[in-house]
Amino acid sequence: MSIFDVMLALCTLLCSLVAGLLFAYAIVIMPGIKNLEDKQFIKAFQVTDRVIQDNHPVFLFVWVGSAISLIFCAFTGFSKLQGLDFFLLLSVTAAYLAGVQISTIAIHLSL
């Protein structure tokens, strides 16, 4: 098993954990606070987000690790993969970074 294979498995695990967190947010947290007044909603979102950011080094490892491992796999995949496989890896990397990481940093963390 090569380093690329190990990193691809790690990347899959970390991205799946992030997806699970976002899923839980979408079906539990957001519906739970949607009936609040605007200021209360923002405050509740900030408090929840602060707990995640301040008290959970595992969260930081999963969140940042998913992006780093995916970027590593994309760069490493350049020499390991060809054709459609490499194109799909690059597409997934771009979609994940833009759709999850960058949108979260640009929109949610600014709240």
PDB file of N, CA and C in Angstrom:
ATOM      1  N   MET A   1       0.855  -1.173   0.000  1.00  0.00           N
ATOM      2  CA  MET A   1       0.000   0.000   0.000  1.00  0.00           C
ATOM      3  C   MET A   1       0.903   1.238   0.000  1.00  0.00           C
ATOM      4  N   SER A   2       0.687   2.111  -0.951  1.00  0.00           N
ATOM      5  CA  SER A   2       1.526   3.302  -1.091  1.00  0.00           C
ATOM      6  C   SER A   2       1.033   4.432  -0.188  1.00  0.00           C
ATOM      7  N   ILE A   3       1.852   5.453  -0.054  1.00  0.00           N
ATOM      8  CA  ILE A   3       1.465   6.638   0.717  1.00  0.00           C
ATOM      9  C   ILE A   3       0.229   7.280   0.098  1.00  0.00           C
ATOM     10  N   PHE A   4       0.162   7.274  -1.223  1.00  0.00           N
ATOM     11  CA  PHE A   4      -1.006   7.826  -1.910  1.00  0.00           C
ATOM     12  C   PHE A   4      -2.276   7.091  -1.489  1.00  0.00           C
ATOM     13  N   ASP A   5      -2.219   5.777  -1.411  1.00  0.00           N
ATOM     14  CA  ASP A   5      -3.383   4.985  -1.002  1.00  0.00           C
ATOM     15  C   ASP A   5      -3.796   5.301   0.436  1.00  0.00           C
ATOM     16  N   VAL A   6      -2.819   5.416   1.319  1.00  0.00           N
ATOM     17  CA  VAL A   6      -3.099   5.742   2.721  1.00  0.00           C
ATOM     18  C   VAL A   6      -3.711   7.135   2.821  1.00  0.00           C
ATOM     19  N   MET A   7      -3.128   8.098   2.109  1.00  0.00           N
ATOM     20  CA  MET A   7      -3.646   9.463   2.149  1.00  0.00           C
ATOM     21  C   MET A   7      -5.037   9.548   1.528  1.00  0.00           C
ATOM     22  N   LEU A   8      -5.281   8.772   0.502  1.00  0.00           N
ATOM     23  CA  LEU A   8      -6.611   8.751  -0.115  1.00  0.00           C
ATOM     24  C   LEU A   8      -7.643   8.196   0.863  1.00  0.00           C
ATOM     25  N   ALA A   9      -7.275   7.162   1.601  1.00  0.00           N
ATOM     26  CA  ALA A   9      -8.178   6.606   2.616  1.00  0.00           C
ATOM     27  C   ALA A   9      -8.403   7.610   3.746  1.00  0.00           C
ATOM     28  N   LEU A  10      -7.327   8.267   4.202  1.00  0.00           N
ATOM     29  CA  LEU A  10      -7.454   9.289   5.246  1.00  0.00           C
ATOM     30  C   LEU A  10      -8.320  10.440   4.763  1.00  0.00           C
ATOM     31  N   CYS A  11      -8.095  10.867   3.554  1.00  0.00           N
ATOM     32  CA  CYS A  11      -8.872  11.946   2.960  1.00  0.00           C
ATOM     33  C   CYS A  11     -10.357  11.580   2.905  1.00  0.00           C
ATOM     34  N   THR A  12     -10.643  10.376   2.502  1.00  0.00           N
ATOM     35  CA  THR A  12     -12.028   9.904   2.438  1.00  0.00           C
ATOM     36  C   THR A  12     -12.667   9.919   3.822  1.00  0.00           C
ATOM     37  N   LEU A  13     -11.939   9.448   4.816  1.00  0.00           N
ATOM     38  CA  LEU A  13     -12.447   9.445   6.187  1.00  0.00           C
ATOM     39  C   LEU A  13     -12.710  10.863   6.682  1.00  0.00           C
ATOM     40  N   LEU A  14     -11.735  11.753   6.525  1.00  0.00           N
ATOM     41  CA  LEU A  14     -11.872  13.116   7.039  1.00  0.00           C
ATOM     42  C   LEU A  14     -12.975  13.888   6.321  1.00  0.00           C
ATOM     43  N   CYS A  15     -13.042  13.766   5.012  1.00  0.00           N
ATOM     44  CA  CYS A  15     -14.106  14.447   4.258  1.00  0.00           C
ATOM     45  C   CYS A  15     -15.478  13.891   4.637  1.00  0.00           C
ATOM     46  N   SER A  16     -15.551  12.600   4.916  1.00  0.00           N
ATOM     47  CA  SER A  16     -16.814  11.996   5.348  1.00  0.00           C
ATOM     48  C   SER A  16     -17.229  12.511   6.718  1.00  0.00           C
ATOM     49  N   LEU A  17     -16.277  12.688   7.613  1.00  0.00           N
ATOM     50  CA  LEU A  17     -16.590  13.244   8.932  1.00  0.00           C
ATOM     51  C   LEU A  17     -17.089  14.681   8.818  1.00  0.00           C
ATOM     52  N   VAL A  18     -16.468  15.469   7.956  1.00  0.00           N
ATOM     53  CA  VAL A  18     -16.931  16.844   7.725  1.00  0.00           C
ATOM     54  C   VAL A  18     -18.347  16.819   7.143  1.00  0.00           C
ATOM     55  N   ALA A  19     -18.597  15.933   6.196  1.00  0.00           N
ATOM     56  CA  ALA A  19     -19.936  15.819   5.612  1.00  0.00           C
ATOM     57  C   ALA A  19     -20.964  15.457   6.685  1.00  0.00           C
ATOM     58  N   GLY A  20     -20.598  14.583   7.592  1.00  0.00           N
ATOM     59  CA  GLY A  20     -21.497  14.219   8.682  1.00  0.00           C
ATOM     60  C   GLY A  20     -21.798  15.396   9.592  1.00  0.00           C
ATOM     61  N   LEU A  21     -20.787  16.199   9.878  1.00  0.00           N
ATOM     62  CA  LEU A  21     -20.999  17.394  10.696  1.00  0.00           C
ATOM     63  C   LEU A  21     -21.943  18.360   9.995  1.00  0.00           C
ATOM     64  N   LEU A  22     -21.710  18.605   8.723  1.00  0.00           N
ATOM     65  CA  LEU A  22     -22.569  19.520   7.971  1.00  0.00           C
ATOM     66  C   LEU A  22     -23.993  18.980   7.877  1.00  0.00           C
ATOM     67  N   PHE A  23     -24.119  17.675   7.730  1.00  0.00           N
ATOM     68  CA  PHE A  23     -25.439  17.051   7.695  1.00  0.00           C
ATOM     69  C   PHE A  23     -26.160  17.251   9.029  1.00  0.00           C
ATOM     70  N   ALA A  24     -25.452  17.033  10.127  1.00  0.00           N
ATOM     71  CA  ALA A  24     -26.054  17.229  11.448  1.00  0.00           C
ATOM     72  C   ALA A  24     -26.463  18.683  11.652  1.00  0.00           C
ATOM     73  N   TYR A  25     -25.625  19.598  11.221  1.00  0.00           N
ATOM     74  CA  TYR A  25     -25.972  21.017  11.298  1.00  0.00           C
ATOM     75  C   TYR A  25     -27.250  21.294  10.515  1.00  0.00           C
ATOM     76  N   ALA A  26     -27.331  20.735   9.309  1.00  0.00           N
ATOM     77  CA  ALA A  26     -28.466  21.013   8.432  1.00  0.00           C
ATOM     78  C   ALA A  26     -29.776  20.430   8.953  1.00  0.00           C
ATOM     79  N   ILE A  27     -29.725  19.257   9.583  1.00  0.00           N
ATOM     80  CA  ILE A  27     -30.984  18.622   9.985  1.00  0.00           C
ATOM     81  C   ILE A  27     -31.316  18.765  11.467  1.00  0.00           C
ATOM     82  N   VAL A  28     -30.351  19.205  12.283  1.00  0.00           N
ATOM     83  CA  VAL A  28     -30.617  19.317  13.718  1.00  0.00           C
ATOM     84  C   VAL A  28     -30.477  20.758  14.203  1.00  0.00           C
ATOM     85  N   ILE A  29     -29.319  21.329  14.032  1.00  0.00           N
ATOM     86  CA  ILE A  29     -29.034  22.637  14.623  1.00  0.00           C
ATOM     87  C   ILE A  29     -29.801  23.755  13.933  1.00  0.00           C
ATOM     88  N   MET A  30     -29.695  23.846  12.617  1.00  0.00           N
ATOM     89  CA  MET A  30     -30.354  24.945  11.911  1.00  0.00           C
ATOM     90  C   MET A  30     -31.878  24.909  12.069  1.00  0.00           C
ATOM     91  N   PRO A  31     -32.542  23.760  11.923  1.00  0.00           N
ATOM     92  CA  PRO A  31     -33.989  23.751  12.170  1.00  0.00           C
ATOM     93  C   PRO A  31     -34.334  24.088  13.623  1.00  0.00           C
ATOM     94  N   GLY A  32     -33.437  23.749  14.527  1.00  0.00           N
ATOM     95  CA  GLY A  32     -33.693  24.035  15.931  1.00  0.00           C
ATOM     96  C   GLY A  32     -33.640  25.507  16.273  1.00  0.00           C
ATOM     97  N   ILE A  33     -32.860  26.275  15.535  1.00  0.00           N
ATOM     98  CA  ILE A  33     -32.729  27.703  15.852  1.00  0.00           C
ATOM     99  C   ILE A  33     -33.401  28.610  14.825  1.00  0.00           C
ATOM    100  N   LYS A  34     -34.067  28.032  13.832  1.00  0.00           N
ATOM    101  CA  LYS A  34     -34.652  28.853  12.767  1.00  0.00           C
ATOM    102  C   LYS A  34     -35.814  29.723  13.237  1.00  0.00           C
ATOM    103  N   ASN A  35     -36.454  29.377  14.328  1.00  0.00           N
ATOM    104  CA  ASN A  35     -37.597  30.152  14.807  1.00  0.00           C
ATOM    105  C   ASN A  35     -37.209  31.309  15.715  1.00  0.00           C
ATOM    106  N   LEU A  36     -35.925  31.484  15.942  1.00  0.00           N
ATOM    107  CA  LEU A  36     -35.462  32.579  16.786  1.00  0.00           C
ATOM    108  C   LEU A  36     -35.508  33.901  16.026  1.00  0.00           C
ATOM    109  N   GLU A  37     -35.531  34.986  16.774  1.00  0.00           N
ATOM    110  CA  GLU A  37     -35.388  36.318  16.171  1.00  0.00           C
ATOM    111  C   GLU A  37     -34.012  36.396  15.529  1.00  0.00           C
ATOM    112  N   ASP A  38     -33.835  37.328  14.606  1.00  0.00           N
ATOM    113  CA  ASP A  38     -32.575  37.426  13.871  1.00  0.00           C
ATOM    114  C   ASP A  38     -31.361  37.556  14.789  1.00  0.00           C
ATOM    115  N   LYS A  39     -31.431  38.450  15.769  1.00  0.00           N
ATOM    116  CA  LYS A  39     -30.287  38.642  16.675  1.00  0.00           C
ATOM    117  C   LYS A  39     -30.037  37.397  17.517  1.00  0.00           C
ATOM    118  N   GLN A  40     -31.105  36.750  17.953  1.00  0.00           N
ATOM    119  CA  GLN A  40     -30.960  35.520  18.731  1.00  0.00           C
ATOM    120  C   GLN A  40     -30.379  34.400  17.870  1.00  0.00           C
ATOM    121  N   PHE A  41     -30.803  34.343  16.617  1.00  0.00           N
ATOM    122  CA  PHE A  41     -30.290  33.336  15.687  1.00  0.00           C
ATOM    123  C   PHE A  41     -28.791  33.496  15.507  1.00  0.00           C
ATOM    124  N   ILE A  42     -28.355  34.733  15.238  1.00  0.00           N
ATOM    125  CA  ILE A  42     -26.924  34.998  15.050  1.00  0.00           C
ATOM    126  C   ILE A  42     -26.160  34.642  16.317  1.00  0.00           C
ATOM    127  N   LYS A  43     -26.682  35.024  17.468  1.00  0.00           N
ATOM    128  CA  LYS A  43     -26.021  34.723  18.739  1.00  0.00           C
ATOM    129  C   LYS A  43     -25.924  33.208  18.960  1.00  0.00           C
ATOM    130  N   ALA A  44     -27.005  32.494  18.711  1.00  0.00           N
ATOM    131  CA  ALA A  44     -26.989  31.034  18.874  1.00  0.00           C
ATOM    132  C   ALA A  44     -25.988  30.395  17.920  1.00  0.00           C
ATOM    133  N   PHE A  45     -25.952  30.878  16.695  1.00  0.00           N
ATOM    134  CA  PHE A  45     -25.007  30.351  15.715  1.00  0.00           C
ATOM    135  C   PHE A  45     -23.579  30.627  16.162  1.00  0.00           C
ATOM    136  N   GLN A  46     -23.334  31.846  16.662  1.00  0.00           N
ATOM    137  CA  GLN A  46     -21.993  32.206  17.121  1.00  0.00           C
ATOM    138  C   GLN A  46     -21.570  31.359  18.313  1.00  0.00           C
ATOM    139  N   VAL A  47     -22.461  31.141  19.249  1.00  0.00           N
ATOM    140  CA  VAL A  47     -22.141  30.337  20.435  1.00  0.00           C
ATOM    141  C   VAL A  47     -21.820  28.898  20.027  1.00  0.00           C
ATOM    142  N   THR A  48     -22.625  28.336  19.166  1.00  0.00           N
ATOM    143  CA  THR A  48     -22.381  26.974  18.688  1.00  0.00           C
ATOM    144  C   THR A  48     -21.057  26.887  17.954  1.00  0.00           C
ATOM    145  N   ASP A  49     -20.813  27.851  17.081  1.00  0.00           N
ATOM    146  CA  ASP A  49     -19.574  27.872  16.312  1.00  0.00           C
ATOM    147  C   ASP A  49     -18.360  28.060  17.225  1.00  0.00           C
ATOM    148  N   ARG A  50     -18.491  28.872  18.249  1.00  0.00           N
ATOM    149  CA  ARG A  50     -17.385  29.112  19.176  1.00  0.00           C
ATOM    150  C   ARG A  50     -17.032  27.838  19.931  1.00  0.00           C
ATOM    151  N   VAL A  51     -18.023  27.067  20.334  1.00  0.00           N
ATOM    152  CA  VAL A  51     -17.760  25.795  21.018  1.00  0.00           C
ATOM    153  C   VAL A  51     -16.945  24.881  20.109  1.00  0.00           C
ATOM    154  N   ILE A  52     -17.337  24.812  18.851  1.00  0.00           N
ATOM    155  CA  ILE A  52     -16.619  23.962  17.903  1.00  0.00           C
ATOM    156  C   ILE A  52     -15.185  24.441  17.741  1.00  0.00           C
ATOM    157  N   GLN A  53     -14.993  25.730  17.563  1.00  0.00           N
ATOM    158  CA  GLN A  53     -13.666  26.261  17.280  1.00  0.00           C
ATOM    159  C   GLN A  53     -12.743  26.256  18.496  1.00  0.00           C
ATOM    160  N   ASP A  54     -13.270  26.528  19.673  1.00  0.00           N
ATOM    161  CA  ASP A  54     -12.422  26.678  20.857  1.00  0.00           C
ATOM    162  C   ASP A  54     -12.133  25.384  21.610  1.00  0.00           C
ATOM    163  N   ASN A  55     -13.060  24.500  21.664  1.00  0.00           N
ATOM    164  CA  ASN A  55     -12.942  23.376  22.590  1.00  0.00           C
ATOM    165  C   ASN A  55     -12.699  22.023  21.946  1.00  0.00           C
ATOM    166  N   HIS A  56     -12.511  21.988  20.661  1.00  0.00           N
ATOM    167  CA  HIS A  56     -12.409  20.689  20.008  1.00  0.00           C
ATOM    168  C   HIS A  56     -11.219  20.612  19.055  1.00  0.00           C
ATOM    169  N   PRO A  57     -10.045  20.225  19.570  1.00  0.00           N
ATOM    170  CA  PRO A  57      -8.897  20.061  18.675  1.00  0.00           C
ATOM    171  C   PRO A  57      -9.133  18.958  17.645  1.00  0.00           C
ATOM    172  N   VAL A  58      -9.984  18.003  17.969  1.00  0.00           N
ATOM    173  CA  VAL A  58     -10.316  16.953  17.007  1.00  0.00           C
ATOM    174  C   VAL A  58     -11.038  17.565  15.809  1.00  0.00           C
ATOM    175  N   PHE A  59     -11.939  18.517  16.086  1.00  0.00           N
ATOM    176  CA  PHE A  59     -12.628  19.199  14.989  1.00  0.00           C
ATOM    177  C   PHE A  59     -11.625  19.898  14.081  1.00  0.00           C
ATOM    178  N   LEU A  60     -10.675  20.597  14.670  1.00  0.00           N
ATOM    179  CA  LEU A  60      -9.666  21.296  13.871  1.00  0.00           C
ATOM    180  C   LEU A  60      -8.878  20.308  13.020  1.00  0.00           C
ATOM    181  N   PHE A  61      -8.492  19.188  13.609  1.00  0.00           N
ATOM    182  CA  PHE A  61      -7.763  18.163  12.857  1.00  0.00           C
ATOM    183  C   PHE A  61      -8.597  17.647  11.689  1.00  0.00           C
ATOM    184  N   VAL A  62      -9.872  17.368  11.941  1.00  0.00           N
ATOM    185  CA  VAL A  62     -10.738  16.829  10.890  1.00  0.00           C
ATOM    186  C   VAL A  62     -10.973  17.872   9.804  1.00  0.00           C
ATOM    187  N   TRP A  63     -11.297  19.103  10.208  1.00  0.00           N
ATOM    188  CA  TRP A  63     -11.641  20.147   9.237  1.00  0.00           C
ATOM    189  C   TRP A  63     -10.434  20.523   8.370  1.00  0.00           C
ATOM    190  N   VAL A  64      -9.330  20.866   9.012  1.00  0.00           N
ATOM    191  CA  VAL A  64      -8.134  21.270   8.266  1.00  0.00           C
ATOM    192  C   VAL A  64      -7.497  20.057   7.594  1.00  0.00           C
ATOM    193  N   GLY A  65      -7.490  18.938   8.288  1.00  0.00           N
ATOM    194  CA  GLY A  65      -6.905  17.724   7.727  1.00  0.00           C
ATOM    195  C   GLY A  65      -7.598  17.258   6.464  1.00  0.00           C
ATOM    196  N   SER A  66      -8.906  17.462   6.387  1.00  0.00           N
ATOM    197  CA  SER A  66      -9.622  17.061   5.170  1.00  0.00           C
ATOM    198  C   SER A  66      -9.146  17.867   3.974  1.00  0.00           C
ATOM    199  N   ALA A  67      -8.950  19.153   4.160  1.00  0.00           N
ATOM    200  CA  ALA A  67      -8.483  20.001   3.050  1.00  0.00           C
ATOM    201  C   ALA A  67      -7.038  19.679   2.683  1.00  0.00           C
ATOM    202  N   ILE A  68      -6.191  19.560   3.688  1.00  0.00           N
ATOM    203  CA  ILE A  68      -4.771  19.289   3.425  1.00  0.00           C
ATOM    204  C   ILE A  68      -4.594  17.924   2.761  1.00  0.00           C
ATOM    205  N   SER A  69      -5.286  16.918   3.270  1.00  0.00           N
ATOM    206  CA  SER A  69      -5.135  15.583   2.681  1.00  0.00           C
ATOM    207  C   SER A  69      -5.686  15.534   1.259  1.00  0.00           C
ATOM    208  N   LEU A  70      -6.739  16.267   0.999  1.00  0.00           N
ATOM    209  CA  LEU A  70      -7.295  16.298  -0.355  1.00  0.00           C
ATOM    210  C   LEU A  70      -6.351  17.002  -1.327  1.00  0.00           C
ATOM    211  N   ILE A  71      -5.768  18.107  -0.891  1.00  0.00           N
ATOM    212  CA  ILE A  71      -4.790  18.810  -1.732  1.00  0.00           C
ATOM    213  C   ILE A  71      -3.573  17.919  -1.968  1.00  0.00           C
ATOM    214  N   PHE A  72      -3.104  17.250  -0.918  1.00  0.00           N
ATOM    215  CA  PHE A  72      -1.978  16.326  -1.063  1.00  0.00           C
ATOM    216  C   PHE A  72      -2.309  15.232  -2.081  1.00  0.00           C
ATOM    217  N   CYS A  73      -3.497  14.669  -1.985  1.00  0.00           N
ATOM    218  CA  CYS A  73      -3.900  13.611  -2.925  1.00  0.00           C
ATOM    219  C   CYS A  73      -3.970  14.140  -4.351  1.00  0.00           C
ATOM    220  N   ALA A  74      -4.437  15.367  -4.514  1.00  0.00           N
ATOM    221  CA  ALA A  74      -4.516  15.939  -5.863  1.00  0.00           C
ATOM    222  C   ALA A  74      -3.124  16.108  -6.459  1.00  0.00           C
ATOM    223  N   PHE A  75      -2.193  16.636  -5.659  1.00  0.00           N
ATOM    224  CA  PHE A  75      -0.823  16.798  -6.160  1.00  0.00           C
ATOM    225  C   PHE A  75      -0.151  15.446  -6.406  1.00  0.00           C
ATOM    226  N   THR A  76      -0.322  14.531  -5.479  1.00  0.00           N
ATOM    227  CA  THR A  76       0.280  13.210  -5.621  1.00  0.00           C
ATOM    228  C   THR A  76      -0.375  12.435  -6.762  1.00  0.00           C
ATOM    229  N   GLY A  77      -1.660  12.645  -6.942  1.00  0.00           N
ATOM    230  CA  GLY A  77      -2.383  11.973  -8.009  1.00  0.00           C
ATOM    231  C   GLY A  77      -1.887  12.324  -9.392  1.00  0.00           C
ATOM    232  N   PHE A  78      -1.226  13.477  -9.503  1.00  0.00           N
ATOM    233  CA  PHE A  78      -0.667  13.888 -10.796  1.00  0.00           C
ATOM    234  C   PHE A  78       0.286  12.840 -11.344  1.00  0.00           C
ATOM    235  N   SER A  79       1.070  12.223 -10.459  1.00  0.00           N
ATOM    236  CA  SER A  79       2.021  11.203 -10.907  1.00  0.00           C
ATOM    237  C   SER A  79       1.458   9.781 -10.815  1.00  0.00           C
ATOM    238  N   LYS A  80       0.362   9.599 -10.088  1.00  0.00           N
ATOM    239  CA  LYS A  80      -0.183   8.256  -9.864  1.00  0.00           C
ATOM    240  C   LYS A  80      -1.375   7.923 -10.765  1.00  0.00           C
ATOM    241  N   LEU A  81      -2.130   8.939 -11.141  1.00  0.00           N
ATOM    242  CA  LEU A  81      -3.365   8.706 -11.882  1.00  0.00           C
ATOM    243  C   LEU A  81      -3.270   9.274 -13.290  1.00  0.00           C
ATOM    244  N   GLN A  82      -4.145   8.797 -14.143  1.00  0.00           N
ATOM    245  CA  GLN A  82      -4.168   9.279 -15.520  1.00  0.00           C
ATOM    246  C   GLN A  82      -5.606   9.505 -15.967  1.00  0.00           C
ATOM    247  N   GLY A  83      -5.758  10.324 -16.967  1.00  0.00           N
ATOM    248  CA  GLY A  83      -7.041  10.501 -17.633  1.00  0.00           C
ATOM    249  C   GLY A  83      -8.183  10.875 -16.721  1.00  0.00           C
ATOM    250  N   LEU A  84      -9.269  10.114 -16.847  1.00  0.00           N
ATOM    251  CA  LEU A  84     -10.494  10.408 -16.116  1.00  0.00           C
ATOM    252  C   LEU A  84     -10.293  10.344 -14.605  1.00  0.00           C
ATOM    253  N   ASP A  85      -9.499   9.404 -14.119  1.00  0.00           N
ATOM    254  CA  ASP A  85      -9.262   9.287 -12.674  1.00  0.00           C
ATOM    255  C   ASP A  85      -8.668  10.574 -12.113  1.00  0.00           C
ATOM    256  N   PHE A  86      -7.658  11.105 -12.795  1.00  0.00           N
ATOM    257  CA  PHE A  86      -7.024  12.338 -12.324  1.00  0.00           C
ATOM    258  C   PHE A  86      -7.984  13.517 -12.454  1.00  0.00           C
ATOM    259  N   PHE A  87      -8.731  13.576 -13.544  1.00  0.00           N
ATOM    260  CA  PHE A  87      -9.703  14.650 -13.736  1.00  0.00           C
ATOM    261  C   PHE A  87     -10.751  14.636 -12.627  1.00  0.00           C
ATOM    262  N   LEU A  88     -11.245  13.463 -12.284  1.00  0.00           N
ATOM    263  CA  LEU A  88     -12.240  13.356 -11.213  1.00  0.00           C
ATOM    264  C   LEU A  88     -11.664  13.778  -9.867  1.00  0.00           C
ATOM    265  N   LEU A  89     -10.433  13.392  -9.590  1.00  0.00           N
ATOM    266  CA  LEU A  89      -9.792  13.797  -8.337  1.00  0.00           C
ATOM    267  C   LEU A  89      -9.644  15.315  -8.274  1.00  0.00           C
ATOM    268  N   LEU A  90      -9.220  15.930  -9.366  1.00  0.00           N
ATOM    269  CA  LEU A  90      -9.108  17.393  -9.400  1.00  0.00           C
ATOM    270  C   LEU A  90     -10.474  18.058  -9.263  1.00  0.00           C
ATOM    271  N   SER A  91     -11.477  17.501  -9.898  1.00  0.00           N
ATOM    272  CA  SER A  91     -12.831  18.060  -9.815  1.00  0.00           C
ATOM    273  C   SER A  91     -13.377  17.995  -8.396  1.00  0.00           C
ATOM    274  N   VAL A  92     -13.183  16.854  -7.753  1.00  0.00           N
ATOM    275  CA  VAL A  92     -13.640  16.695  -6.371  1.00  0.00           C
ATOM    276  C   VAL A  92     -12.890  17.653  -5.449  1.00  0.00           C
ATOM    277  N   THR A  93     -11.597  17.786  -5.660  1.00  0.00           N
ATOM    278  CA  THR A  93     -10.798  18.705  -4.845  1.00  0.00           C
ATOM    279  C   THR A  93     -11.317  20.126  -4.983  1.00  0.00           C
ATOM    280  N   ALA A  94     -11.523  20.578  -6.204  1.00  0.00           N
ATOM    281  CA  ALA A  94     -12.010  21.941  -6.439  1.00  0.00           C
ATOM    282  C   ALA A  94     -13.403  22.142  -5.851  1.00  0.00           C
ATOM    283  N   ALA A  95     -14.290  21.180  -6.058  1.00  0.00           N
ATOM    284  CA  ALA A  95     -15.655  21.296  -5.541  1.00  0.00           C
ATOM    285  C   ALA A  95     -15.673  21.320  -4.016  1.00  0.00           C
ATOM    286  N   TYR A  96     -14.880  20.463  -3.389  1.00  0.00           N
ATOM    287  CA  TYR A  96     -14.845  20.407  -1.923  1.00  0.00           C
ATOM    288  C   TYR A  96     -14.260  21.692  -1.341  1.00  0.00           C
ATOM    289  N   LEU A  97     -13.146  22.128  -1.896  1.00  0.00           N
ATOM    290  CA  LEU A  97     -12.516  23.336  -1.363  1.00  0.00           C
ATOM    291  C   LEU A  97     -13.409  24.554  -1.550  1.00  0.00           C
ATOM    292  N   ALA A  98     -14.021  24.687  -2.715  1.00  0.00           N
ATOM    293  CA  ALA A  98     -14.890  25.842  -2.967  1.00  0.00           C
ATOM    294  C   ALA A  98     -16.218  25.724  -2.224  1.00  0.00           C
ATOM    295  N   GLY A  99     -16.821  24.560  -2.275  1.00  0.00           N
ATOM    296  CA  GLY A  99     -18.150  24.392  -1.716  1.00  0.00           C
ATOM    297  C   GLY A  99     -18.212  24.230  -0.216  1.00  0.00           C
ATOM    298  N   VAL A 100     -17.165  23.706   0.377  1.00  0.00           N
ATOM    299  CA  VAL A 100     -17.174  23.463   1.823  1.00  0.00           C
ATOM    300  C   VAL A 100     -16.219  24.407   2.546  1.00  0.00           C
ATOM    301  N   GLN A 101     -14.959  24.330   2.224  1.00  0.00           N
ATOM    302  CA  GLN A 101     -13.949  25.082   2.973  1.00  0.00           C
ATOM    303  C   GLN A 101     -14.059  26.595   2.749  1.00  0.00           C
ATOM    304  N   ILE A 102     -13.992  27.027   1.501  1.00  0.00           N
ATOM    305  CA  ILE A 102     -13.985  28.466   1.216  1.00  0.00           C
ATOM    306  C   ILE A 102     -15.316  29.105   1.581  1.00  0.00           C
ATOM    307  N   SER A 103     -16.426  28.442   1.261  1.00  0.00           N
ATOM    308  CA  SER A 103     -17.724  29.029   1.605  1.00  0.00           C
ATOM    309  C   SER A 103     -17.901  29.145   3.118  1.00  0.00           C
ATOM    310  N   THR A 104     -17.406  28.191   3.861  1.00  0.00           N
ATOM    311  CA  THR A 104     -17.499  28.268   5.320  1.00  0.00           C
ATOM    312  C   THR A 104     -16.663  29.417   5.861  1.00  0.00           C
ATOM    313  N   ILE A 105     -15.454  29.549   5.369  1.00  0.00           N
ATOM    314  CA  ILE A 105     -14.584  30.631   5.831  1.00  0.00           C
ATOM    315  C   ILE A 105     -15.168  31.986   5.450  1.00  0.00           C
ATOM    316  N   ALA A 106     -15.642  32.116   4.222  1.00  0.00           N
ATOM    317  CA  ALA A 106     -16.131  33.404   3.730  1.00  0.00           C
ATOM    318  C   ALA A 106     -17.477  33.801   4.326  1.00  0.00           C
ATOM    319  N   ILE A 107     -18.362  32.847   4.537  1.00  0.00           N
ATOM    320  CA  ILE A 107     -19.725  33.184   4.953  1.00  0.00           C
ATOM    321  C   ILE A 107     -19.957  32.922   6.437  1.00  0.00           C
ATOM    322  N   HIS A 108     -19.759  31.709   6.870  1.00  0.00           N
ATOM    323  CA  HIS A 108     -20.156  31.327   8.218  1.00  0.00           C
ATOM    324  C   HIS A 108     -19.245  31.883   9.301  1.00  0.00           C
ATOM    325  N   LEU A 109     -17.958  31.895   9.078  1.00  0.00           N
ATOM    326  CA  LEU A 109     -17.059  32.398  10.118  1.00  0.00           C
ATOM    327  C   LEU A 109     -17.166  33.900  10.294  1.00  0.00           C
ATOM    328  N   SER A 110     -17.640  34.602   9.270  1.00  0.00           N
ATOM    329  CA  SER A 110     -17.790  36.052   9.398  1.00  0.00           C
ATOM    330  C   SER A 110     -18.959  36.423  10.298  1.00  0.00           C
ATOM    331  N   LEU A 111     -19.878  35.480  10.538  1.00  0.00           N
ATOM    332  CA  LEU A 111     -21.000  35.754  11.426  1.00  0.00           C
ATOM    333  C   LEU A 111     -20.505  35.898  12.849  1.00  0.00           C
TER     334      LEU A 111
END
